């Protein structure tokens, strides 16, 4: 019979002839470990596990991840879930040079991009809110033409460098 897919009628005919042996092919290969045992599909059980799964996916997809180790954020290529470390996607600040900051009024201490790609300047540090950034202080559109290719709006918050 080979690997030919049979119609219902052909199967019934085989059964009538006493051929009760049927070979079933799974539509996709089962998820098995090296011992041949099935691996159950696991899902995160809480927000912490969900966050760690996202960090693992980021590492596997070559998205830079950082770990807070002793109060300092440093690049990480491995997770230590039982150690209680804090992990995050590495911030991708806006590419605003020190020289460009020197042309911006010192009132503006932060810049950030919203989900739509619009860049604003902020007097005080804004917080993420929905699809953008929110603050109770002054906000201004950014007059600079900034290349935002590859910038994640959620990690785009950029602080004015010291001394500029």
N, C-alpha and C. Protein backbone atom coordinates (compact mmCIF):
# COMPACT_ATOMS: atom_id res chain seq x y z
N UNK A 1 0.81 -1.19 0.00
CA UNK A 1 0.00 0.00 0.00
C UNK A 1 0.85 1.26 0.00
N UNK A 2 2.03 1.21 0.59
CA UNK A 2 2.92 2.36 0.59
C UNK A 2 2.39 3.50 1.45
N UNK A 3 2.70 4.71 1.05
CA UNK A 3 2.28 5.89 1.79
C UNK A 3 1.09 6.58 1.16
N UNK A 4 0.40 5.88 0.26
CA UNK A 4 -0.75 6.45 -0.44
C UNK A 4 -1.89 6.70 0.55
N UNK A 5 -2.49 7.88 0.45
CA UNK A 5 -3.65 8.18 1.27
C UNK A 5 -4.86 7.48 0.66
N UNK A 6 -5.59 6.75 1.50
CA UNK A 6 -6.73 5.99 1.01
C UNK A 6 -8.02 6.73 1.29
N UNK A 7 -8.98 6.52 0.42
CA UNK A 7 -10.31 7.08 0.64
C UNK A 7 -11.03 6.21 1.67
N UNK A 8 -12.13 6.70 2.19
CA UNK A 8 -12.93 5.92 3.15
C UNK A 8 -13.37 4.59 2.53
N UNK A 9 -13.74 4.62 1.26
CA UNK A 9 -14.20 3.40 0.60
C UNK A 9 -13.07 2.37 0.53
N UNK A 10 -11.86 2.82 0.22
CA UNK A 10 -10.71 1.91 0.15
C UNK A 10 -10.40 1.30 1.51
N UNK A 11 -10.54 2.08 2.56
CA UNK A 11 -10.30 1.57 3.92
C UNK A 11 -11.34 0.50 4.24
N UNK A 12 -12.60 0.77 3.94
CA UNK A 12 -13.67 -0.19 4.20
C UNK A 12 -13.40 -1.49 3.44
N UNK A 13 -12.95 -1.40 2.20
CA UNK A 13 -12.65 -2.59 1.39
C UNK A 13 -11.52 -3.39 2.03
N UNK A 14 -10.49 -2.72 2.53
CA UNK A 14 -9.37 -3.41 3.18
C UNK A 14 -9.85 -4.14 4.43
N UNK A 15 -10.73 -3.49 5.21
CA UNK A 15 -11.27 -4.12 6.42
C UNK A 15 -12.07 -5.36 6.05
N UNK A 16 -12.89 -5.28 4.99
CA UNK A 16 -13.69 -6.43 4.53
C UNK A 16 -12.79 -7.60 4.14
N UNK A 17 -11.60 -7.29 3.61
CA UNK A 17 -10.68 -8.34 3.19
C UNK A 17 -9.86 -8.88 4.37
N UNK A 18 -10.11 -8.36 5.57
CA UNK A 18 -9.41 -8.86 6.75
C UNK A 18 -8.10 -8.15 7.04
N UNK A 19 -7.81 -7.08 6.34
CA UNK A 19 -6.59 -6.32 6.60
C UNK A 19 -6.92 -5.25 7.64
N UNK A 20 -6.72 -5.63 8.92
CA UNK A 20 -7.07 -4.74 10.02
C UNK A 20 -5.92 -3.84 10.42
N UNK A 21 -4.79 -4.00 9.84
CA UNK A 21 -3.61 -3.21 10.22
C UNK A 21 -3.66 -1.87 9.50
N UNK A 22 -3.59 -0.83 10.26
CA UNK A 22 -3.58 0.51 9.65
C UNK A 22 -2.40 1.29 10.21
N UNK A 23 -1.80 2.04 9.37
CA UNK A 23 -0.67 2.86 9.80
C UNK A 23 -1.11 4.31 9.73
N UNK A 24 -1.04 4.98 10.87
CA UNK A 24 -1.45 6.38 10.93
C UNK A 24 -0.22 7.27 11.02
N UNK A 25 -0.22 8.32 10.24
CA UNK A 25 0.87 9.28 10.25
C UNK A 25 0.40 10.55 10.96
N UNK A 26 1.14 11.00 11.96
CA UNK A 26 0.75 12.27 12.59
C UNK A 26 0.96 13.41 11.59
N UNK A 27 0.15 14.44 11.69
CA UNK A 27 0.27 15.57 10.79
C UNK A 27 1.58 16.30 11.01
N UNK A 28 2.08 16.28 12.24
CA UNK A 28 3.39 16.87 12.53
C UNK A 28 4.09 15.97 13.52
N UNK A 29 5.40 16.07 13.53
CA UNK A 29 6.16 15.22 14.45
C UNK A 29 5.87 15.65 15.88
N UNK A 30 5.80 14.66 16.76
CA UNK A 30 5.57 14.94 18.17
C UNK A 30 6.81 15.61 18.77
N UNK A 31 6.59 16.41 19.77
CA UNK A 31 7.67 17.08 20.48
C UNK A 31 8.24 16.07 21.48
N UNK A 32 9.39 15.48 21.15
CA UNK A 32 9.97 14.45 22.01
C UNK A 32 11.39 14.84 22.41
N UNK A 33 11.82 14.37 23.57
CA UNK A 33 13.19 14.63 24.02
C UNK A 33 14.11 13.53 23.49
N UNK A 34 15.36 13.55 23.92
CA UNK A 34 16.34 12.57 23.43
C UNK A 34 16.01 11.13 23.81
N UNK A 35 15.20 10.95 24.85
CA UNK A 35 14.82 9.60 25.27
C UNK A 35 13.59 9.10 24.52
N UNK A 36 13.03 9.92 23.65
CA UNK A 36 11.83 9.54 22.92
C UNK A 36 10.56 9.80 23.68
N UNK A 37 10.64 10.43 24.85
CA UNK A 37 9.45 10.73 25.64
C UNK A 37 8.84 12.05 25.18
N UNK A 38 7.51 12.10 25.21
CA UNK A 38 6.82 13.33 24.83
C UNK A 38 7.15 14.46 25.80
N UNK A 39 7.32 15.65 25.26
CA UNK A 39 7.55 16.84 26.07
C UNK A 39 6.23 17.61 26.09
N UNK A 40 5.68 17.83 27.27
CA UNK A 40 4.41 18.58 27.31
C UNK A 40 4.64 20.04 26.94
N UNK A 41 3.64 20.65 26.31
CA UNK A 41 3.71 22.07 25.99
C UNK A 41 3.45 22.84 27.28
N UNK A 42 4.41 23.64 27.68
CA UNK A 42 4.29 24.41 28.91
C UNK A 42 3.89 25.84 28.61
N UNK A 43 3.15 26.43 29.51
CA UNK A 43 2.78 27.84 29.38
C UNK A 43 3.13 28.55 30.68
N UNK A 44 3.49 29.82 30.58
CA UNK A 44 3.82 30.57 31.80
C UNK A 44 2.62 30.57 32.76
N UNK A 45 2.92 30.44 34.04
CA UNK A 45 1.87 30.39 35.06
C UNK A 45 1.65 31.72 35.78
N UNK A 46 2.57 32.68 35.56
CA UNK A 46 2.41 33.99 36.19
C UNK A 46 3.21 35.01 35.39
N UNK A 47 3.12 36.27 35.80
CA UNK A 47 3.79 37.35 35.06
C UNK A 47 5.30 37.20 35.05
N UNK A 48 5.88 36.74 36.15
CA UNK A 48 7.33 36.55 36.21
C UNK A 48 7.80 35.51 35.19
N UNK A 49 7.09 34.38 35.12
CA UNK A 49 7.44 33.36 34.15
C UNK A 49 7.25 33.87 32.73
N UNK A 50 6.18 34.61 32.50
CA UNK A 50 5.94 35.18 31.18
C UNK A 50 7.06 36.12 30.76
N UNK A 51 7.54 36.92 31.71
CA UNK A 51 8.64 37.84 31.43
C UNK A 51 9.92 37.07 31.10
N UNK A 52 10.21 36.01 31.86
CA UNK A 52 11.42 35.22 31.60
C UNK A 52 11.34 34.51 30.24
N UNK A 53 10.15 34.06 29.86
CA UNK A 53 9.99 33.45 28.54
C UNK A 53 10.31 34.48 27.46
N UNK A 54 9.82 35.71 27.64
CA UNK A 54 10.12 36.77 26.67
C UNK A 54 11.61 37.05 26.60
N UNK A 55 12.27 37.04 27.75
CA UNK A 55 13.72 37.29 27.76
C UNK A 55 14.47 36.17 27.06
N UNK A 56 14.03 34.92 27.28
CA UNK A 56 14.66 33.78 26.61
C UNK A 56 14.48 33.89 25.10
N UNK A 57 13.27 34.23 24.66
CA UNK A 57 13.03 34.41 23.23
C UNK A 57 13.90 35.53 22.67
N UNK A 58 14.04 36.61 23.41
CA UNK A 58 14.89 37.72 22.96
C UNK A 58 16.32 37.24 22.78
N UNK A 59 16.85 36.50 23.73
CA UNK A 59 18.22 35.99 23.63
C UNK A 59 18.35 35.09 22.41
N UNK A 60 17.39 34.20 22.21
CA UNK A 60 17.44 33.27 21.08
C UNK A 60 17.32 34.00 19.75
N UNK A 61 16.64 35.16 19.73
CA UNK A 61 16.46 35.93 18.50
C UNK A 61 17.51 37.03 18.35
N UNK A 62 18.54 36.96 19.19
CA UNK A 62 19.68 37.89 19.13
C UNK A 62 19.28 39.34 19.42
N UNK A 63 18.24 39.51 20.23
CA UNK A 63 17.85 40.84 20.71
C UNK A 63 18.58 41.05 22.03
N UNK A 64 19.34 42.12 22.17
CA UNK A 64 20.15 42.31 23.38
C UNK A 64 19.30 42.36 24.65
N UNK A 65 19.71 41.57 25.64
CA UNK A 65 19.05 41.51 26.95
C UNK A 65 20.06 41.95 28.00
N UNK A 66 19.58 42.64 29.02
CA UNK A 66 20.43 43.06 30.12
C UNK A 66 19.92 42.48 31.42
N UNK A 67 20.85 42.28 32.37
CA UNK A 67 20.53 41.79 33.70
C UNK A 67 21.03 42.83 34.70
N UNK A 68 20.23 43.05 35.74
CA UNK A 68 20.64 43.97 36.80
C UNK A 68 21.43 43.15 37.80
N UNK A 69 22.73 43.36 37.77
CA UNK A 69 23.65 42.60 38.61
C UNK A 69 24.35 43.57 39.55
N UNK A 70 23.98 43.55 40.82
CA UNK A 70 24.60 44.45 41.79
C UNK A 70 24.28 45.91 41.55
N UNK A 71 23.10 46.20 41.02
CA UNK A 71 22.70 47.58 40.78
C UNK A 71 23.14 48.14 39.44
N UNK A 72 23.85 47.36 38.66
CA UNK A 72 24.33 47.79 37.34
C UNK A 72 23.70 46.92 36.25
N UNK A 73 23.25 47.54 35.17
CA UNK A 73 22.72 46.79 34.04
C UNK A 73 23.87 46.38 33.14
N UNK A 74 23.95 45.09 32.83
CA UNK A 74 25.00 44.57 31.98
C UNK A 74 24.40 43.56 31.00
N UNK A 75 25.01 43.42 29.83
CA UNK A 75 24.51 42.51 28.80
C UNK A 75 24.53 41.07 29.32
N UNK A 76 23.48 40.33 28.98
CA UNK A 76 23.36 38.94 29.41
C UNK A 76 22.99 38.07 28.21
N UNK A 77 23.61 36.91 28.11
CA UNK A 77 23.25 35.95 27.06
C UNK A 77 22.73 34.66 27.67
N UNK A 78 22.46 34.69 28.98
CA UNK A 78 21.96 33.52 29.69
C UNK A 78 21.04 34.00 30.80
N UNK A 79 20.07 33.17 31.16
CA UNK A 79 19.13 33.49 32.24
C UNK A 79 19.41 32.62 33.45
N UNK A 80 19.29 33.22 34.62
CA UNK A 80 19.41 32.49 35.88
C UNK A 80 18.09 32.71 36.64
N UNK A 81 17.03 31.97 36.27
CA UNK A 81 15.71 32.23 36.84
C UNK A 81 15.62 32.05 38.35
N UNK A 82 16.40 31.14 38.91
CA UNK A 82 16.28 30.89 40.35
C UNK A 82 17.10 31.88 41.18
N UNK A 83 17.85 32.76 40.54
CA UNK A 83 18.71 33.69 41.27
C UNK A 83 18.01 35.00 41.60
N UNK A 84 16.82 35.23 41.05
CA UNK A 84 16.07 36.44 41.37
C UNK A 84 16.58 37.70 40.69
N UNK A 85 17.36 37.56 39.62
CA UNK A 85 17.85 38.75 38.91
C UNK A 85 16.72 39.39 38.12
N UNK A 86 16.90 40.68 37.85
CA UNK A 86 15.95 41.43 37.03
C UNK A 86 16.52 41.51 35.61
N UNK A 87 15.68 41.21 34.61
CA UNK A 87 16.10 41.22 33.21
C UNK A 87 15.26 42.22 32.44
N UNK A 88 15.84 42.76 31.36
CA UNK A 88 15.10 43.66 30.48
C UNK A 88 15.72 43.61 29.08
N UNK A 89 14.90 44.01 28.10
CA UNK A 89 15.43 44.22 26.75
C UNK A 89 16.32 45.46 26.84
N UNK A 90 17.51 45.37 26.25
CA UNK A 90 18.45 46.49 26.32
C UNK A 90 17.82 47.73 25.69
N UNK A 91 17.82 48.85 26.42
CA UNK A 91 17.26 50.08 25.85
C UNK A 91 17.97 50.47 24.56
N UNK A 92 17.20 51.02 23.64
CA UNK A 92 17.75 51.51 22.37
C UNK A 92 17.50 53.01 22.30
N UNK A 93 18.39 53.79 22.92
CA UNK A 93 18.16 55.23 22.94
C UNK A 93 18.16 55.82 21.53
N UNK A 94 17.54 56.97 21.42
CA UNK A 94 17.53 57.68 20.15
C UNK A 94 18.94 58.15 19.82
N UNK A 95 19.32 58.09 18.55
CA UNK A 95 20.67 58.50 18.16
C UNK A 95 20.80 60.02 18.08
N UNK A 96 20.83 60.65 19.26
CA UNK A 96 21.00 62.10 19.32
C UNK A 96 22.40 62.34 19.86
N UNK A 97 23.25 62.93 19.05
CA UNK A 97 24.64 63.17 19.46
C UNK A 97 24.71 64.28 20.51
N UNK A 98 25.84 64.34 21.19
CA UNK A 98 26.08 65.42 22.16
C UNK A 98 25.97 66.77 21.45
N UNK A 99 26.49 66.84 20.23
CA UNK A 99 26.44 68.10 19.48
C UNK A 99 24.99 68.49 19.21
N UNK A 100 24.16 67.52 18.80
CA UNK A 100 22.74 67.82 18.55
C UNK A 100 22.05 68.27 19.83
N UNK A 101 22.36 67.62 20.96
CA UNK A 101 21.77 68.05 22.23
C UNK A 101 22.17 69.48 22.56
N UNK A 102 23.37 69.89 22.17
CA UNK A 102 23.83 71.25 22.50
C UNK A 102 22.99 72.31 21.80
N UNK A 103 22.29 71.97 20.72
CA UNK A 103 21.43 72.92 20.02
C UNK A 103 20.00 72.93 20.57
N UNK A 104 19.70 71.99 21.45
CA UNK A 104 18.36 71.91 22.05
C UNK A 104 18.37 72.66 23.37
N UNK A 105 17.37 73.50 23.58
CA UNK A 105 17.24 74.28 24.82
C UNK A 105 17.37 73.36 26.03
N UNK A 106 18.10 73.81 27.04
CA UNK A 106 18.37 73.00 28.24
C UNK A 106 17.11 72.66 29.04
N UNK A 107 16.00 73.30 28.70
CA UNK A 107 14.73 72.95 29.35
C UNK A 107 14.41 71.47 29.11
N UNK A 108 14.78 70.99 27.91
CA UNK A 108 14.40 69.64 27.50
C UNK A 108 15.47 68.65 27.94
N UNK A 109 15.10 67.78 28.88
CA UNK A 109 16.03 66.84 29.48
C UNK A 109 15.92 65.42 28.93
N UNK A 110 14.82 65.13 28.24
CA UNK A 110 14.58 63.79 27.72
C UNK A 110 13.98 63.87 26.32
N UNK A 111 14.21 62.82 25.55
CA UNK A 111 13.56 62.64 24.25
C UNK A 111 13.08 61.20 24.20
N UNK A 112 11.96 60.99 23.52
CA UNK A 112 11.44 59.63 23.37
C UNK A 112 10.56 59.57 22.13
N UNK A 113 10.45 58.37 21.58
CA UNK A 113 9.63 58.13 20.39
C UNK A 113 8.39 57.34 20.80
N UNK A 114 7.23 57.71 20.24
CA UNK A 114 6.03 56.93 20.51
C UNK A 114 5.88 55.82 19.47
N UNK A 115 4.85 55.01 19.61
CA UNK A 115 4.67 53.85 18.74
C UNK A 115 4.52 54.25 17.27
N UNK A 116 4.00 55.44 17.01
CA UNK A 116 3.81 55.92 15.64
C UNK A 116 5.09 56.49 15.02
N UNK A 117 6.15 56.61 15.83
CA UNK A 117 7.42 57.15 15.32
C UNK A 117 7.63 58.62 15.58
N UNK A 118 6.67 59.28 16.21
CA UNK A 118 6.82 60.70 16.53
C UNK A 118 7.77 60.86 17.73
N UNK A 119 8.69 61.81 17.62
CA UNK A 119 9.66 62.05 18.69
C UNK A 119 9.31 63.35 19.39
N UNK A 120 9.30 63.30 20.72
CA UNK A 120 9.02 64.48 21.52
C UNK A 120 10.15 64.71 22.52
N UNK A 121 10.25 65.95 22.95
CA UNK A 121 11.19 66.34 24.00
C UNK A 121 10.40 66.57 25.27
N UNK A 122 11.01 66.23 26.41
CA UNK A 122 10.32 66.31 27.70
C UNK A 122 11.17 67.08 28.70
N UNK A 123 10.48 67.90 29.49
CA UNK A 123 11.16 68.65 30.55
C UNK A 123 11.60 67.71 31.67
N UNK A 124 10.73 66.78 32.03
CA UNK A 124 11.01 65.79 33.07
C UNK A 124 10.82 64.39 32.50
N UNK A 125 11.36 63.41 33.21
CA UNK A 125 11.31 62.03 32.73
C UNK A 125 9.87 61.55 32.57
N UNK A 126 9.49 61.17 31.35
CA UNK A 126 8.13 60.65 31.14
C UNK A 126 8.06 59.16 31.48
N UNK A 127 6.84 58.65 31.52
CA UNK A 127 6.62 57.22 31.75
C UNK A 127 5.86 56.66 30.56
N UNK A 128 6.06 55.37 30.29
CA UNK A 128 5.33 54.71 29.21
C UNK A 128 3.85 54.69 29.56
N UNK A 129 3.04 54.99 28.57
CA UNK A 129 1.60 55.00 28.78
C UNK A 129 0.92 54.60 27.47
N UNK A 130 0.36 53.42 27.44
CA UNK A 130 -0.31 52.97 26.21
C UNK A 130 0.68 52.82 25.07
N UNK A 131 0.54 53.69 24.09
CA UNK A 131 1.39 53.62 22.89
C UNK A 131 2.38 54.77 22.81
N UNK A 132 2.61 55.41 23.94
CA UNK A 132 3.51 56.55 23.94
C UNK A 132 4.05 56.84 25.33
N UNK A 133 4.36 58.11 25.54
CA UNK A 133 4.98 58.56 26.79
C UNK A 133 4.12 59.65 27.40
N UNK A 134 4.06 59.68 28.72
CA UNK A 134 3.19 60.61 29.42
C UNK A 134 3.97 61.34 30.51
N UNK A 135 3.63 62.60 30.69
CA UNK A 135 4.25 63.40 31.73
C UNK A 135 3.30 64.51 32.14
N UNK A 136 3.48 65.02 33.36
CA UNK A 136 2.69 66.15 33.84
C UNK A 136 3.41 67.47 33.56
N UNK A 137 4.57 67.39 32.90
CA UNK A 137 5.37 68.58 32.65
C UNK A 137 5.35 68.92 31.16
N UNK A 138 6.10 69.93 30.77
CA UNK A 138 6.11 70.40 29.38
C UNK A 138 6.63 69.37 28.40
N UNK A 139 6.02 69.40 27.21
CA UNK A 139 6.39 68.51 26.11
C UNK A 139 6.49 69.35 24.85
N UNK A 140 7.42 68.97 23.95
CA UNK A 140 7.57 69.67 22.68
C UNK A 140 7.90 68.67 21.59
N UNK A 141 7.42 68.97 20.39
CA UNK A 141 7.84 68.16 19.24
C UNK A 141 9.33 68.35 19.06
N UNK A 142 10.00 67.29 18.63
CA UNK A 142 11.45 67.36 18.40
C UNK A 142 11.71 67.93 17.01
N UNK A 143 12.51 69.00 16.92
CA UNK A 143 12.78 69.62 15.62
C UNK A 143 13.82 68.87 14.79
N UNK A 144 14.51 67.89 15.38
CA UNK A 144 15.58 67.18 14.68
C UNK A 144 15.03 66.10 13.77
N UNK A 145 15.73 65.86 12.67
CA UNK A 145 15.41 64.75 11.79
C UNK A 145 16.29 63.58 12.23
N UNK A 146 15.68 62.61 12.91
CA UNK A 146 16.43 61.51 13.52
C UNK A 146 16.09 60.20 12.83
N UNK A 147 17.11 59.41 12.49
CA UNK A 147 16.90 58.10 11.91
C UNK A 147 16.48 57.15 13.02
N UNK A 148 15.26 56.66 12.95
CA UNK A 148 14.74 55.78 14.00
C UNK A 148 14.66 54.32 13.54
N UNK A 149 15.30 53.99 12.43
CA UNK A 149 15.31 52.59 11.97
C UNK A 149 15.89 51.70 13.07
N UNK A 150 15.19 50.64 13.38
CA UNK A 150 15.67 49.68 14.38
C UNK A 150 15.47 50.11 15.82
N UNK A 151 14.84 51.26 16.04
CA UNK A 151 14.61 51.73 17.41
C UNK A 151 13.25 51.21 17.89
N UNK A 152 13.23 50.61 19.06
CA UNK A 152 12.00 50.15 19.69
C UNK A 152 11.46 51.32 20.51
N UNK A 153 10.27 51.78 20.20
CA UNK A 153 9.73 52.95 20.88
C UNK A 153 9.67 52.75 22.40
N UNK A 154 9.42 51.51 22.83
CA UNK A 154 9.28 51.24 24.26
C UNK A 154 10.59 51.39 25.04
N UNK A 155 11.71 51.32 24.34
CA UNK A 155 13.01 51.48 25.01
C UNK A 155 13.76 52.69 24.47
N UNK A 156 13.04 53.64 23.86
CA UNK A 156 13.67 54.78 23.20
C UNK A 156 13.96 55.96 24.12
N UNK A 157 13.51 55.91 25.36
CA UNK A 157 13.70 57.05 26.25
C UNK A 157 15.19 57.39 26.33
N UNK A 158 15.52 58.63 26.03
CA UNK A 158 16.90 59.08 25.96
C UNK A 158 17.08 60.32 26.83
N UNK A 159 18.05 60.27 27.72
CA UNK A 159 18.31 61.39 28.62
C UNK A 159 19.40 62.29 28.03
N UNK A 160 19.25 63.58 28.24
CA UNK A 160 20.27 64.52 27.80
C UNK A 160 21.56 64.17 28.52
N UNK A 161 22.68 64.10 27.79
CA UNK A 161 23.96 63.77 28.44
C UNK A 161 24.38 64.85 29.45
N UNK A 162 25.08 64.45 30.47
CA UNK A 162 25.57 65.41 31.47
C UNK A 162 26.50 66.42 30.80
N UNK A 163 26.41 67.66 31.24
CA UNK A 163 27.31 68.69 30.75
C UNK A 163 26.95 69.27 29.40
N UNK A 164 25.82 68.88 28.84
CA UNK A 164 25.42 69.42 27.53
C UNK A 164 24.18 70.28 27.69
